[in-house]
Amino acid sequence: MREAELWERLDQHLGKGYARVWAAQHALAGLDSRTVEEALADGVPCKTVWRAVWEALELPARER
């Protein structure tokens, strides 16, 4: 997964305006209490970030 796809998925599920705010402010347990932005800056693979987002948002299995 590329970073652009990660952002597209976040926009799709959270809305274009809110996705960036959520990604900057919401710490995820699956990312060792980092935000999406912090995890990406630390070099965490986008696929790993998406799985943590998927879990936190309790999205359906087909979205994984």
PDB file of N, CA and C in Angstrom:
ATOM      1  N   MET A   1       0.845  -1.174   0.000  1.00  0.00           N
ATOM      2  CA  MET A   1       0.000   0.000   0.000  1.00  0.00           C
ATOM      3  C   MET A   1       0.893   1.240   0.000  1.00  0.00           C
ATOM      4  N   ARG A   2       0.516   2.188  -0.803  1.00  0.00           N
ATOM      5  CA  ARG A   2       1.230   3.466  -0.852  1.00  0.00           C
ATOM      6  C   ARG A   2       0.555   4.464   0.080  1.00  0.00           C
ATOM      7  N   GLU A   3       1.299   5.486   0.438  1.00  0.00           N
ATOM      8  CA  GLU A   3       0.758   6.492   1.356  1.00  0.00           C
ATOM      9  C   GLU A   3      -0.467   7.190   0.767  1.00  0.00           C
ATOM     10  N   ALA A   4      -0.464   7.411  -0.538  1.00  0.00           N
ATOM     11  CA  ALA A   4      -1.620   8.051  -1.187  1.00  0.00           C
ATOM     12  C   ALA A   4      -2.885   7.210  -1.005  1.00  0.00           C
ATOM     13  N   GLU A   5      -2.740   5.896  -1.103  1.00  0.00           N
ATOM     14  CA  GLU A   5      -3.902   5.012  -0.911  1.00  0.00           C
ATOM     15  C   GLU A   5      -4.377   5.056   0.538  1.00  0.00           C
ATOM     16  N   LEU A   6      -3.443   5.102   1.471  1.00  0.00           N
ATOM     17  CA  LEU A   6      -3.803   5.217   2.887  1.00  0.00           C
ATOM     18  C   LEU A   6      -4.651   6.460   3.114  1.00  0.00           C
ATOM     19  N   TRP A   7      -4.209   7.604   2.575  1.00  0.00           N
ATOM     20  CA  TRP A   7      -4.959   8.849   2.754  1.00  0.00           C
ATOM     21  C   TRP A   7      -6.320   8.789   2.052  1.00  0.00           C
ATOM     22  N   GLU A   8      -6.385   8.145   0.903  1.00  0.00           N
ATOM     23  CA  GLU A   8      -7.674   7.990   0.209  1.00  0.00           C
ATOM     24  C   GLU A   8      -8.653   7.194   1.060  1.00  0.00           C
ATOM     25  N   ARG A   9      -8.155   6.120   1.666  1.00  0.00           N
ATOM     26  CA  ARG A   9      -9.023   5.298   2.521  1.00  0.00           C
ATOM     27  C   ARG A   9      -9.476   6.075   3.756  1.00  0.00           C
ATOM     28  N   LEU A  10      -8.557   6.810   4.354  1.00  0.00           N
ATOM     29  CA  LEU A  10      -8.940   7.630   5.512  1.00  0.00           C
ATOM     30  C   LEU A  10      -9.993   8.657   5.123  1.00  0.00           C
ATOM     31  N   ASP A  11      -9.795   9.322   3.988  1.00  0.00           N
ATOM     32  CA  ASP A  11     -10.780  10.295   3.499  1.00  0.00           C
ATOM     33  C   ASP A  11     -12.129   9.637   3.273  1.00  0.00           C
ATOM     34  N   GLN A  12     -12.120   8.451   2.714  1.00  0.00           N
ATOM     35  CA  GLN A  12     -13.359   7.725   2.426  1.00  0.00           C
ATOM     36  C   GLN A  12     -14.133   7.401   3.706  1.00  0.00           C
ATOM     37  N   HIS A  13     -13.425   6.992   4.741  1.00  0.00           N
ATOM     38  CA  HIS A  13     -14.100   6.550   5.959  1.00  0.00           C
ATOM     39  C   HIS A  13     -14.364   7.661   6.968  1.00  0.00           C
ATOM     40  N   LEU A  14     -13.561   8.697   6.945  1.00  0.00           N
ATOM     41  CA  LEU A  14     -13.711   9.756   7.944  1.00  0.00           C
ATOM     42  C   LEU A  14     -14.155  11.088   7.350  1.00  0.00           C
ATOM     43  N   GLY A  15     -14.127  11.198   6.057  1.00  0.00           N
ATOM     44  CA  GLY A  15     -14.433  12.470   5.410  1.00  0.00           C
ATOM     45  C   GLY A  15     -13.148  13.231   5.150  1.00  0.00           C
ATOM     46  N   LYS A  16     -13.128  13.915   4.033  1.00  0.00           N
ATOM     47  CA  LYS A  16     -11.898  14.569   3.592  1.00  0.00           C
ATOM     48  C   LYS A  16     -11.363  15.587   4.602  1.00  0.00           C
ATOM     49  N   GLY A  17     -12.220  16.367   5.188  1.00  0.00           N
ATOM     50  CA  GLY A  17     -11.775  17.376   6.140  1.00  0.00           C
ATOM     51  C   GLY A  17     -11.335  16.802   7.475  1.00  0.00           C
ATOM     52  N   TYR A  18     -12.061  15.820   7.978  1.00  0.00           N
ATOM     53  CA  TYR A  18     -11.790  15.278   9.309  1.00  0.00           C
ATOM     54  C   TYR A  18     -10.637  14.280   9.321  1.00  0.00           C
ATOM     55  N   ALA A  19     -10.375  13.605   8.219  1.00  0.00           N
ATOM     56  CA  ALA A  19      -9.352  12.555   8.188  1.00  0.00           C
ATOM     57  C   ALA A  19      -7.989  13.077   8.625  1.00  0.00           C
ATOM     58  N   ARG A  20      -7.604  14.242   8.150  1.00  0.00           N
ATOM     59  CA  ARG A  20      -6.285  14.802   8.500  1.00  0.00           C
ATOM     60  C   ARG A  20      -6.223  15.198   9.977  1.00  0.00           C
ATOM     61  N   VAL A  21      -7.306  15.726  10.487  1.00  0.00           N
ATOM     62  CA  VAL A  21      -7.353  16.096  11.907  1.00  0.00           C
ATOM     63  C   VAL A  21      -7.246  14.839  12.765  1.00  0.00           C
ATOM     64  N   TRP A  22      -8.039  13.834  12.422  1.00  0.00           N
ATOM     65  CA  TRP A  22      -8.034  12.574  13.162  1.00  0.00           C
ATOM     66  C   TRP A  22      -6.640  11.948  13.126  1.00  0.00           C
ATOM     67  N   ALA A  23      -6.022  11.929  11.946  1.00  0.00           N
ATOM     68  CA  ALA A  23      -4.703  11.326  11.780  1.00  0.00           C
ATOM     69  C   ALA A  23      -3.628  12.047  12.581  1.00  0.00           C
ATOM     70  N   ALA A  24      -3.836  13.318  12.834  1.00  0.00           N
ATOM     71  CA  ALA A  24      -2.861  14.104  13.585  1.00  0.00           C
ATOM     72  C   ALA A  24      -3.084  14.048  15.096  1.00  0.00           C
ATOM     73  N   GLN A  25      -4.312  13.720  15.521  1.00  0.00           N
ATOM     74  CA  GLN A  25      -4.633  13.838  16.943  1.00  0.00           C
ATOM     75  C   GLN A  25      -4.990  12.539  17.652  1.00  0.00           C
ATOM     76  N   HIS A  26      -5.360  11.519  16.926  1.00  0.00           N
ATOM     77  CA  HIS A  26      -5.847  10.291  17.550  1.00  0.00           C
ATOM     78  C   HIS A  26      -4.715   9.269  17.676  1.00  0.00           C
ATOM     79  N   ALA A  27      -4.291   8.993  18.909  1.00  0.00           N
ATOM     80  CA  ALA A  27      -3.252   7.996  19.155  1.00  0.00           C
ATOM     81  C   ALA A  27      -3.866   6.600  19.086  1.00  0.00           C
ATOM     82  N   LEU A  28      -3.201   5.707  18.386  1.00  0.00           N
ATOM     83  CA  LEU A  28      -3.721   4.353  18.190  1.00  0.00           C
ATOM     84  C   LEU A  28      -2.888   3.333  18.959  1.00  0.00           C
ATOM     85  N   ALA A  29      -3.559   2.459  19.668  1.00  0.00           N
ATOM     86  CA  ALA A  29      -2.868   1.415  20.421  1.00  0.00           C
ATOM     87  C   ALA A  29      -2.030   0.544  19.491  1.00  0.00           C
ATOM     88  N   GLY A  30      -2.555   0.252  18.312  1.00  0.00           N
ATOM     89  CA  GLY A  30      -1.855  -0.589  17.358  1.00  0.00           C
ATOM     90  C   GLY A  30      -0.600   0.041  16.778  1.00  0.00           C
ATOM     91  N   LEU A  31      -0.407   1.310  17.073  1.00  0.00           N
ATOM     92  CA  LEU A  31       0.796   2.021  16.620  1.00  0.00           C
ATOM     93  C   LEU A  31       1.632   2.481  17.814  1.00  0.00           C
ATOM     94  N   ASP A  32       1.540   1.730  18.898  1.00  0.00           N
ATOM     95  CA  ASP A  32       2.272   2.069  20.125  1.00  0.00           C
ATOM     96  C   ASP A  32       1.944   3.470  20.611  1.00  0.00           C
ATOM     97  N   SER A  33       0.662   3.793  20.585  1.00  0.00           N
ATOM     98  CA  SER A  33       0.129   5.077  21.052  1.00  0.00           C
ATOM     99  C   SER A  33       0.626   6.267  20.229  1.00  0.00           C
ATOM    100  N   ARG A  34       0.967   6.018  18.976  1.00  0.00           N
ATOM    101  CA  ARG A  34       1.327   7.105  18.066  1.00  0.00           C
ATOM    102  C   ARG A  34       0.126   7.431  17.189  1.00  0.00           C
ATOM    103  N   THR A  35       0.129   8.628  16.651  1.00  0.00           N
ATOM    104  CA  THR A  35      -0.887   9.001  15.673  1.00  0.00           C
ATOM    105  C   THR A  35      -0.477   8.448  14.315  1.00  0.00           C
ATOM    106  N   VAL A  36      -1.375   8.504  13.361  1.00  0.00           N
ATOM    107  CA  VAL A  36      -1.060   8.085  11.998  1.00  0.00           C
ATOM    108  C   VAL A  36       0.119   8.903  11.480  1.00  0.00           C
ATOM    109  N   GLU A  37       0.070  10.196  11.660  1.00  0.00           N
ATOM    110  CA  GLU A  37       1.151  11.059  11.175  1.00  0.00           C
ATOM    111  C   GLU A  37       2.486  10.729  11.833  1.00  0.00           C
ATOM    112  N   GLU A  38       2.475  10.490  13.137  1.00  0.00           N
ATOM    113  CA  GLU A  38       3.717  10.144  13.841  1.00  0.00           C
ATOM    114  C   GLU A  38       4.267   8.811  13.341  1.00  0.00           C
ATOM    115  N   ALA A  39       3.387   7.846  13.165  1.00  0.00           N
ATOM    116  CA  ALA A  39       3.824   6.532  12.701  1.00  0.00           C
ATOM    117  C   ALA A  39       4.439   6.626  11.302  1.00  0.00           C
ATOM    118  N   LEU A  40       3.791   7.365  10.417  1.00  0.00           N
ATOM    119  CA  LEU A  40       4.335   7.529   9.071  1.00  0.00           C
ATOM    120  C   LEU A  40       5.691   8.230   9.115  1.00  0.00           C
ATOM    121  N   ALA A  41       5.813   9.255   9.945  1.00  0.00           N
ATOM    122  CA  ALA A  41       7.075   9.982  10.077  1.00  0.00           C
ATOM    123  C   ALA A  41       8.181   9.083  10.641  1.00  0.00           C
ATOM    124  N   ASP A  42       7.787   8.110  11.458  1.00  0.00           N
ATOM    125  CA  ASP A  42       8.748   7.173  12.038  1.00  0.00           C
ATOM    126  C   ASP A  42       9.084   6.021  11.098  1.00  0.00           C
ATOM    127  N   GLY A  43       8.481   6.012   9.910  1.00  0.00           N
ATOM    128  CA  GLY A  43       8.796   4.981   8.931  1.00  0.00           C
ATOM    129  C   GLY A  43       7.989   3.707   9.034  1.00  0.00           C
ATOM    130  N   VAL A  44       6.901   3.733   9.787  1.00  0.00           N
ATOM    131  CA  VAL A  44       6.036   2.561   9.877  1.00  0.00           C
ATOM    132  C   VAL A  44       5.385   2.349   8.507  1.00  0.00           C
ATOM    133  N   PRO A  45       5.399   1.116   7.998  1.00  0.00           N
ATOM    134  CA  PRO A  45       4.793   0.860   6.686  1.00  0.00           C
ATOM    135  C   PRO A  45       3.312   1.234   6.650  1.00  0.00           C
ATOM    136  N   CYS A  46       2.882   1.763   5.516  1.00  0.00           N
ATOM    137  CA  CYS A  46       1.497   2.196   5.366  1.00  0.00           C
ATOM    138  C   CYS A  46       0.503   1.071   5.633  1.00  0.00           C
ATOM    139  N   LYS A  47       0.851  -0.122   5.231  1.00  0.00           N
ATOM    140  CA  LYS A  47      -0.032  -1.273   5.452  1.00  0.00           C
ATOM    141  C   LYS A  47      -0.240  -1.515   6.957  1.00  0.00           C
ATOM    142  N   THR A  48       0.804  -1.380   7.729  1.00  0.00           N
ATOM    143  CA  THR A  48       0.720  -1.537   9.182  1.00  0.00           C
ATOM    144  C   THR A  48      -0.133  -0.426   9.779  1.00  0.00           C
ATOM    145  N   VAL A  49       0.065   0.788   9.289  1.00  0.00           N
ATOM    146  CA  VAL A  49      -0.725   1.925   9.763  1.00  0.00           C
ATOM    147  C   VAL A  49      -2.196   1.681   9.442  1.00  0.00           C
ATOM    148  N   TRP A  50      -2.489   1.245   8.218  1.00  0.00           N
ATOM    149  CA  TRP A  50      -3.880   1.011   7.839  1.00  0.00           C
ATOM    150  C   TRP A  50      -4.523  -0.056   8.720  1.00  0.00           C
ATOM    151  N   ARG A  51      -3.805  -1.111   9.018  1.00  0.00           N
ATOM    152  CA  ARG A  51      -4.373  -2.168   9.870  1.00  0.00           C
ATOM    153  C   ARG A  51      -4.724  -1.626  11.258  1.00  0.00           C
ATOM    154  N   ALA A  52      -3.898  -0.746  11.779  1.00  0.00           N
ATOM    155  CA  ALA A  52      -4.189  -0.137  13.079  1.00  0.00           C
ATOM    156  C   ALA A  52      -5.412   0.774  12.983  1.00  0.00           C
ATOM    157  N   VAL A  53      -5.517   1.518  11.888  1.00  0.00           N
ATOM    158  CA  VAL A  53      -6.682   2.379  11.659  1.00  0.00           C
ATOM    159  C   VAL A  53      -7.929   1.521  11.520  1.00  0.00           C
ATOM    160  N   TRP A  54      -7.835   0.475  10.720  1.00  0.00           N
ATOM    161  CA  TRP A  54      -8.953  -0.447  10.482  1.00  0.00           C
ATOM    162  C   TRP A  54      -9.483  -0.996  11.803  1.00  0.00           C
ATOM    163  N   GLU A  55      -8.561  -1.399  12.659  1.00  0.00           N
ATOM    164  CA  GLU A  55      -8.944  -1.940  13.962  1.00  0.00           C
ATOM    165  C   GLU A  55      -9.583  -0.869  14.843  1.00  0.00           C
ATOM    166  N   ALA A  56      -8.989   0.302  14.886  1.00  0.00           N
ATOM    167  CA  ALA A  56      -9.493   1.377  15.745  1.00  0.00           C
ATOM    168  C   ALA A  56     -10.885   1.845  15.320  1.00  0.00           C
ATOM    169  N   LEU A  57     -11.125   1.872  14.023  1.00  0.00           N
ATOM    170  CA  LEU A  57     -12.426   2.330  13.513  1.00  0.00           C
ATOM    171  C   LEU A  57     -13.455   1.210  13.446  1.00  0.00           C
ATOM    172  N   GLU A  58     -13.005  -0.014  13.763  1.00  0.00           N
ATOM    173  CA  GLU A  58     -13.886  -1.186  13.732  1.00  0.00           C
ATOM    174  C   GLU A  58     -14.571  -1.320  12.378  1.00  0.00           C
ATOM    175  N   LEU A  59     -13.772  -1.247  11.324  1.00  0.00           N
ATOM    176  CA  LEU A  59     -14.294  -1.349   9.965  1.00  0.00           C
ATOM    177  C   LEU A  59     -14.556  -2.803   9.620  1.00  0.00           C
ATOM    178  N   PRO A  60     -15.417  -3.054   8.639  1.00  0.00           N
ATOM    179  CA  PRO A  60     -15.716  -4.432   8.243  1.00  0.00           C
ATOM    180  C   PRO A  60     -14.483  -5.125   7.641  1.00  0.00           C
ATOM    181  N   ALA A  61     -14.485  -6.434   7.705  1.00  0.00           N
ATOM    182  CA  ALA A  61     -13.342  -7.233   7.236  1.00  0.00           C
ATOM    183  C   ALA A  61     -13.004  -6.946   5.773  1.00  0.00           C
ATOM    184  N   ARG A  62     -13.986  -6.643   4.974  1.00  0.00           N
ATOM    185  CA  ARG A  62     -13.731  -6.396   3.539  1.00  0.00           C
ATOM    186  C   ARG A  62     -12.887  -5.140   3.318  1.00  0.00           C
ATOM    187  N   GLU A  63     -12.790  -4.283   4.308  1.00  0.00           N
ATOM    188  CA  GLU A  63     -12.008  -3.053   4.204  1.00  0.00           C
ATOM    189  C   GLU A  63     -10.543  -3.252   4.602  1.00  0.00           C
ATOM    190  N   ARG A  64     -10.224  -4.411   5.109  1.00  0.00           N
ATOM    191  CA  ARG A  64      -8.872  -4.659   5.594  1.00  0.00           C
ATOM    192  C   ARG A  64      -7.923  -4.658   4.454  1.00  0.00           C
TER     193      ARG A  64
END
